[in-house]
Amino acid sequence: MGKYIVRRLLQMIPVILGATFIIFAMVFALPGDPTVGKCGERPCSAEYVAKFREEHNLNDPLVVQYGKYLGKFVQGDLGTNYYGIPVKEDLAQRYTITGRLALMAIAFEAVIGILAGVLAGVRKGRFIDNLVTVSTLFVISIPVFVIGVFLQYLFGIKWGIFPATVPSLDAPTSSLILPAFVLGSLSIAYVARLTRTNLVENLRSDYVRTAKAKGLTKNRAVGVHTLRNSLIPVVTFIGADFGGLLGGAIVTERIFNIQGVGGYIWRGINSRDGVAVVSTVTVLVIVYLLVNLLVDLLYGVLDPRISHD
């Protein structure tokens, strides 16, 4: 197990280097002037532009810029954005609330999605199966922003059950329940359908029929044998989805006025703040790789036949 973890961590290094270089090249090779709008409605003076470009190494070739950025990054310095604020300070605040939001969305996704999928799978062809199938298809067909605005109006404005917006970065967890459900709504539907499909397929397997023939009850056959094997692709999806929820929460964060990572990336792109965008996305890549490693380790828990020796 230890050798496997070390090997996987070493494999992450070229992935991180390649991903960060591609992101860096995409951001800093784009045409345009990052000083536009920095001096209000008037164009910035030539002295200011020259000083700005020198401070942020914009006069250097792209490879040299990347080398300087990487040298600071390996020392834990994520750089300073174009407004003079250390990116590490911004991310420390925004990752906290976005991380809470993503974890709550994952919890909804795992609990509701898996439960709905199991109920539909063990009652294939019955009312609950048809209900889950139709409702998940309905959710998948609706854009997330429509679901978000509708639930915000219904539960936040009309009924007042949940806050309509998230007031601050240190907002209580209760104010994130509705945004987290909206963020995970599409994934809940996918997890439910994926769980149902795999469960139905495994219930037809020879080992399940053999277990039932030996006197094992249906509940025990599902809970002990079938469900564990059916959850392997579900765990893979949830693990991959976590990174997507961290970076893809832009729509949800804008609906509920959450000052998180998604909005930070969006503002960085609009203002051409390359350092903020690259550093934020790089951290997302690292988190995504670590979550994938955790998912691979969970395979051995769900299926003892999978060894990491």
Protein backbone atom coordinates (compact mmCIF):
# COMPACT_ATOMS: atom_id res chain seq x y z
CA MET A 1 0.00 0.00 0.00
CA GLY A 2 2.76 2.44 0.94
CA LYS A 3 4.71 1.80 -2.27
CA TYR A 4 1.54 2.26 -4.30
CA ILE A 5 0.83 5.63 -2.68
CA VAL A 6 4.40 6.82 -3.22
CA ARG A 7 4.27 5.68 -6.86
CA ARG A 8 1.01 7.50 -7.45
CA LEU A 9 2.33 10.67 -5.82
CA LEU A 10 5.39 10.57 -8.07
CA GLN A 11 3.15 10.08 -11.10
CA MET A 12 1.30 13.26 -10.16
CA ILE A 13 4.41 15.42 -10.67
CA PRO A 14 4.51 15.31 -14.50
CA VAL A 15 0.72 15.65 -14.58
CA ILE A 16 0.85 18.79 -12.44
CA LEU A 17 3.72 20.23 -14.48
CA GLY A 18 1.98 19.55 -17.78
CA ALA A 19 -1.39 20.83 -16.62
CA THR A 20 0.01 24.00 -15.07
CA PHE A 21 2.09 24.80 -18.16
CA ILE A 22 -0.91 24.39 -20.46
CA ILE A 23 -3.05 26.57 -18.19
CA PHE A 24 -0.25 29.13 -17.88
CA ALA A 25 0.24 29.26 -21.65
CA MET A 26 -3.50 29.58 -22.30
CA VAL A 27 -3.85 32.47 -19.84
CA PHE A 28 -0.71 34.47 -20.55
CA ALA A 29 -0.55 33.89 -24.31
CA LEU A 30 -3.99 35.41 -24.88
CA PRO A 31 -4.01 38.78 -26.66
CA GLY A 32 -4.97 41.87 -24.75
CA ASP A 33 -3.61 44.34 -22.23
CA PRO A 34 -3.99 43.36 -18.53
CA THR A 35 -3.67 47.03 -17.51
CA VAL A 36 -6.94 47.95 -19.21
CA GLY A 37 -9.33 49.33 -16.59
CA LYS A 38 -6.65 49.60 -13.89
CA CYS A 39 -6.63 53.40 -14.11
CA GLY A 40 -10.36 54.02 -14.37
CA GLU A 41 -11.80 55.36 -17.58
CA ARG A 42 -8.51 56.93 -18.64
CA PRO A 43 -5.74 54.85 -20.22
CA CYS A 44 -2.82 54.11 -17.93
CA SER A 45 0.35 56.09 -18.38
CA ALA A 46 3.33 54.55 -20.10
CA GLU A 47 5.30 54.63 -16.84
CA TYR A 48 2.59 52.71 -15.01
CA VAL A 49 2.31 50.12 -17.80
CA ALA A 50 6.08 49.62 -17.88
CA LYS A 51 6.26 49.23 -14.09
CA PHE A 52 3.28 46.86 -14.06
CA ARG A 53 4.74 44.62 -16.75
CA GLU A 54 8.12 44.57 -15.01
CA GLU A 55 6.64 43.66 -11.62
CA HIS A 56 4.66 40.75 -13.09
CA ASN A 57 7.40 39.54 -15.46
CA LEU A 58 5.22 40.18 -18.51
CA ASN A 59 8.20 41.32 -20.58
CA ASP A 60 9.89 37.92 -20.28
CA PRO A 61 9.34 35.04 -22.73
CA LEU A 62 6.52 32.67 -21.79
CA VAL A 63 8.86 29.85 -20.72
CA VAL A 64 10.82 32.21 -18.47
CA GLN A 65 7.59 33.51 -16.92
CA TYR A 66 6.49 29.95 -16.23
CA GLY A 67 9.86 29.05 -14.71
CA LYS A 68 9.71 32.00 -12.31
CA TYR A 69 6.12 31.19 -11.39
CA LEU A 70 6.94 27.51 -10.80
CA GLY A 71 9.94 28.41 -8.65
CA LYS A 72 7.72 30.44 -6.34
CA PHE A 73 4.94 27.84 -6.40
CA VAL A 74 7.12 24.97 -5.12
CA GLN A 75 8.02 27.22 -2.17
CA GLY A 76 4.34 27.70 -1.34
CA ASP A 77 4.11 31.18 -2.87
CA LEU A 78 1.06 31.39 -5.14
CA GLY A 79 1.99 34.86 -6.26
CA THR A 80 0.28 38.23 -5.98
CA ASN A 81 -2.69 39.17 -8.09
CA TYR A 82 -2.81 42.31 -10.20
CA TYR A 83 -4.39 44.23 -7.32
CA GLY A 84 -1.47 43.59 -4.96
CA ILE A 85 -3.21 40.96 -2.81
CA PRO A 86 -1.47 37.60 -2.20
CA VAL A 87 -3.43 34.87 -3.97
CA LYS A 88 -2.88 32.54 -1.01
CA GLU A 89 -4.86 34.89 1.25
CA ASP A 90 -7.74 35.11 -1.23
CA LEU A 91 -7.88 31.34 -1.72
CA ALA A 92 -7.64 30.62 2.01
CA GLN A 93 -10.93 32.48 2.47
CA ARG A 94 -12.69 31.35 -0.68
CA TYR A 95 -11.65 27.70 -0.61
CA THR A 96 -13.13 27.40 2.86
CA ILE A 97 -16.66 28.24 1.80
CA THR A 98 -16.41 26.52 -1.60
CA GLY A 99 -14.98 23.42 0.07
CA ARG A 100 -17.87 23.33 2.53
CA LEU A 101 -20.30 23.84 -0.33
CA ALA A 102 -18.74 21.02 -2.40
CA LEU A 103 -18.59 18.60 0.54
CA MET A 104 -22.25 19.21 1.35
CA ALA A 105 -23.14 18.71 -2.32
CA ILE A 106 -21.18 15.43 -2.30
CA ALA A 107 -23.06 14.36 0.84
CA PHE A 108 -26.42 15.03 -0.85
CA GLU A 109 -25.15 13.29 -3.97
CA ALA A 110 -24.02 10.18 -2.10
CA VAL A 111 -26.91 9.81 0.34
CA ILE A 112 -29.88 10.77 -1.84
CA GLY A 113 -28.45 9.47 -5.11
CA ILE A 114 -27.35 6.07 -3.80
CA LEU A 115 -30.51 5.58 -1.73
CA ALA A 116 -32.75 6.42 -4.69
CA GLY A 117 -30.70 4.16 -6.96
CA VAL A 118 -30.88 1.24 -4.54
CA LEU A 119 -34.64 1.58 -4.07
CA ALA A 120 -35.14 1.72 -7.83
CA GLY A 121 -32.79 -1.20 -8.46
CA VAL A 122 -34.29 -3.63 -5.97
CA ARG A 123 -37.82 -2.72 -7.13
CA LYS A 124 -37.15 -2.78 -10.84
CA GLY A 125 -40.27 -2.21 -12.92
CA ARG A 126 -42.36 -1.01 -9.97
CA PHE A 127 -43.67 2.43 -9.07
CA ILE A 128 -40.56 3.59 -7.19
CA ASP A 129 -38.34 2.54 -10.09
CA ASN A 130 -40.44 4.49 -12.59
CA LEU A 131 -40.57 7.48 -10.23
CA VAL A 132 -36.79 7.61 -9.84
CA THR A 133 -36.20 7.10 -13.56
CA VAL A 134 -38.60 9.85 -14.63
CA SER A 135 -37.62 12.34 -11.91
CA THR A 136 -33.88 11.97 -12.55
CA LEU A 137 -34.42 12.39 -16.28
CA PHE A 138 -36.44 15.52 -15.52
CA VAL A 139 -33.63 16.97 -13.38
CA ILE A 140 -30.97 16.16 -15.98
CA SER A 141 -32.96 17.92 -18.70
CA ILE A 142 -33.22 21.22 -16.76
CA PRO A 143 -30.25 23.67 -16.63
CA VAL A 144 -28.77 24.15 -13.17
CA PHE A 145 -29.41 27.89 -13.15
CA VAL A 146 -33.14 27.26 -13.68
CA ILE A 147 -33.22 24.82 -10.75
CA GLY A 148 -31.24 27.28 -8.64
CA VAL A 149 -33.43 30.29 -9.33
CA PHE A 150 -36.63 28.28 -8.85
CA LEU A 151 -35.57 26.77 -5.50
CA GLN A 152 -34.18 30.11 -4.35
CA TYR A 153 -37.53 31.77 -4.99
CA LEU A 154 -39.55 28.90 -3.52
CA PHE A 155 -37.56 28.05 -0.37
CA GLY A 156 -35.70 31.32 0.15
CA ILE A 157 -38.08 34.11 -0.83
CA LYS A 158 -41.62 32.75 -0.81
CA TRP A 159 -41.49 30.28 2.10
CA GLY A 160 -38.40 31.64 3.89
CA ILE A 161 -37.18 28.20 4.93
CA PHE A 162 -33.58 28.89 3.89
CA PRO A 163 -31.67 32.16 3.34
CA ALA A 164 -32.05 33.39 -0.23
CA THR A 165 -28.38 34.44 -0.35
CA VAL A 166 -25.23 33.60 1.57
CA PRO A 167 -24.28 36.77 3.48
CA SER A 168 -20.52 36.33 3.97
CA LEU A 169 -17.51 34.02 3.69
CA ASP A 170 -17.98 32.82 7.27
CA ALA A 171 -21.69 32.10 6.80
CA PRO A 172 -23.19 29.30 8.92
CA THR A 173 -23.51 25.84 7.43
CA SER A 174 -27.31 26.07 7.50
CA SER A 175 -27.22 28.86 4.90
CA LEU A 176 -25.34 26.55 2.49
CA ILE A 177 -27.92 23.74 2.51
CA LEU A 178 -29.98 25.10 -0.38
CA PRO A 179 -26.97 26.11 -2.56
CA ALA A 180 -25.33 22.74 -1.91
CA PHE A 181 -28.48 20.89 -2.96
CA VAL A 182 -28.69 22.98 -6.13
CA LEU A 183 -25.00 22.39 -6.87
CA GLY A 184 -25.36 18.64 -6.43
CA SER A 185 -28.80 18.25 -8.01
CA LEU A 186 -27.56 17.14 -11.41
CA SER A 187 -25.04 14.75 -9.86
CA ILE A 188 -27.73 13.30 -7.58
CA ALA A 189 -29.67 12.30 -10.68
CA TYR A 190 -26.61 10.76 -12.34
CA VAL A 191 -25.62 8.84 -9.21
CA ALA A 192 -29.16 7.49 -8.79
CA ARG A 193 -29.28 6.24 -12.37
CA LEU A 194 -25.74 4.83 -12.21
CA THR A 195 -26.44 3.02 -8.95
CA ARG A 196 -29.68 1.57 -10.29
CA THR A 197 -28.08 0.34 -13.52
CA ASN A 198 -25.16 -1.37 -11.80
CA LEU A 199 -27.35 -2.85 -9.08
CA VAL A 200 -29.80 -4.34 -11.58
CA GLU A 201 -26.92 -5.80 -13.58
CA ASN A 202 -25.25 -7.33 -10.52
CA LEU A 203 -28.51 -8.79 -9.23
CA ARG A 204 -28.54 -10.96 -12.35
CA SER A 205 -25.02 -12.26 -11.71
CA ASP A 206 -24.34 -15.93 -11.06
CA TYR A 207 -22.83 -15.32 -7.62
CA VAL A 208 -26.03 -13.61 -6.44
CA ARG A 209 -28.22 -16.44 -7.69
CA THR A 210 -25.89 -18.93 -6.01
CA ALA A 211 -26.04 -17.01 -2.74
CA LYS A 212 -29.84 -16.94 -2.83
CA ALA A 213 -29.94 -20.66 -3.66
CA LYS A 214 -27.90 -21.33 -0.53
CA GLY A 215 -30.51 -19.56 1.58
CA LEU A 216 -29.17 -16.01 1.74
CA THR A 217 -31.99 -13.49 2.07
CA LYS A 218 -32.47 -10.85 -0.64
CA ASN A 219 -31.67 -7.99 1.74
CA ARG A 220 -28.40 -9.60 2.79
CA ALA A 221 -27.51 -10.46 -0.81
CA VAL A 222 -28.04 -6.84 -1.79
CA GLY A 223 -26.40 -5.28 1.25
CA VAL A 224 -23.38 -7.54 1.62
CA HIS A 225 -22.54 -8.64 -1.91
CA THR A 226 -24.33 -6.80 -4.68
CA LEU A 227 -24.25 -3.24 -3.37
CA ARG A 228 -20.51 -3.18 -2.67
CA ASN A 229 -19.69 -4.25 -6.23
CA SER A 230 -22.25 -1.83 -7.64
CA LEU A 231 -20.73 1.13 -5.79
CA ILE A 232 -17.31 0.94 -7.47
CA PRO A 233 -18.30 2.98 -10.57
CA VAL A 234 -20.42 5.23 -8.34
CA VAL A 235 -17.44 6.04 -6.12
CA THR A 236 -15.41 6.75 -9.26
CA PHE A 237 -18.04 9.21 -10.46
CA ILE A 238 -18.35 10.94 -7.08
CA GLY A 239 -14.58 11.28 -6.75
CA ALA A 240 -14.26 12.78 -10.22
CA ASP A 241 -17.25 15.01 -9.55
CA PHE A 242 -15.70 16.56 -6.44
CA GLY A 243 -13.08 18.44 -8.43
CA GLY A 244 -15.76 19.53 -10.88
CA LEU A 245 -17.92 20.85 -8.06
CA LEU A 246 -15.05 22.92 -6.66
CA GLY A 247 -14.30 24.65 -9.93
CA GLY A 248 -17.69 24.44 -11.56
CA ALA A 249 -19.74 26.18 -8.89
CA ILE A 250 -19.68 29.50 -10.73
CA VAL A 251 -23.39 29.47 -11.59
CA THR A 252 -24.52 28.38 -8.13
CA GLU A 253 -22.24 30.88 -6.41
CA ARG A 254 -23.55 33.74 -8.53
CA ILE A 255 -27.18 32.81 -7.88
CA PHE A 256 -26.71 32.72 -4.11
CA ASN A 257 -24.09 35.49 -3.95
CA ILE A 258 -21.37 33.20 -2.60
CA GLN A 259 -17.87 34.69 -2.73
CA GLY A 260 -16.16 31.40 -3.56
CA VAL A 261 -13.56 29.92 -5.87
CA GLY A 262 -15.81 29.80 -8.94
CA GLY A 263 -16.55 33.51 -8.80
CA TYR A 264 -12.89 34.23 -8.09
CA ILE A 265 -11.83 32.43 -11.28
CA TRP A 266 -14.54 34.20 -13.26
CA ARG A 267 -13.47 37.62 -12.05
CA GLY A 268 -9.83 36.75 -12.70
CA ILE A 269 -10.63 35.83 -16.31
CA ASN A 270 -12.67 38.99 -16.85
CA SER A 271 -9.93 41.22 -15.43
CA ARG A 272 -7.16 39.22 -17.15
CA ASP A 273 -5.58 38.50 -13.76
CA GLY A 274 -3.39 35.65 -14.98
CA VAL A 275 -1.65 34.92 -11.67
CA ALA A 276 -4.95 34.52 -9.80
CA VAL A 277 -6.44 32.26 -12.49
CA VAL A 278 -3.38 30.02 -12.88
CA SER A 279 -2.80 29.61 -9.14
CA THR A 280 -6.44 28.83 -8.44
CA VAL A 281 -6.72 26.27 -11.23
CA THR A 282 -3.39 24.69 -10.23
CA VAL A 283 -4.67 24.13 -6.70
CA LEU A 284 -7.83 22.61 -8.20
CA VAL A 285 -5.71 20.21 -10.26
CA ILE A 286 -3.78 19.08 -7.16
CA VAL A 287 -6.99 18.59 -5.17
CA TYR A 288 -8.50 16.62 -8.05
CA LEU A 289 -5.47 14.31 -8.25
CA LEU A 290 -5.46 13.70 -4.49
CA VAL A 291 -9.18 12.88 -4.50
CA ASN A 292 -8.62 10.43 -7.36
CA LEU A 293 -5.90 8.74 -5.31
CA LEU A 294 -8.31 8.44 -2.39
CA VAL A 295 -10.95 6.93 -4.69
CA ASP A 296 -8.47 4.34 -5.96
CA LEU A 297 -7.66 3.37 -2.37
CA LEU A 298 -11.37 2.97 -1.63
CA TYR A 299 -11.63 0.37 -4.40
CA GLY A 300 -9.81 -2.09 -2.17
CA VAL A 301 -12.33 -1.50 0.61
CA LEU A 302 -15.30 -2.09 -1.66
CA ASP A 303 -13.79 -5.06 -3.49
CA PRO A 304 -11.09 -7.09 -1.65
CA ARG A 305 -10.06 -8.61 -4.97
CA ILE A 306 -8.49 -5.26 -5.92
CA SER A 307 -4.96 -5.09 -4.50
CA HIS A 308 -2.63 -2.09 -4.36
CA ASP A 309 0.49 -4.05 -3.45
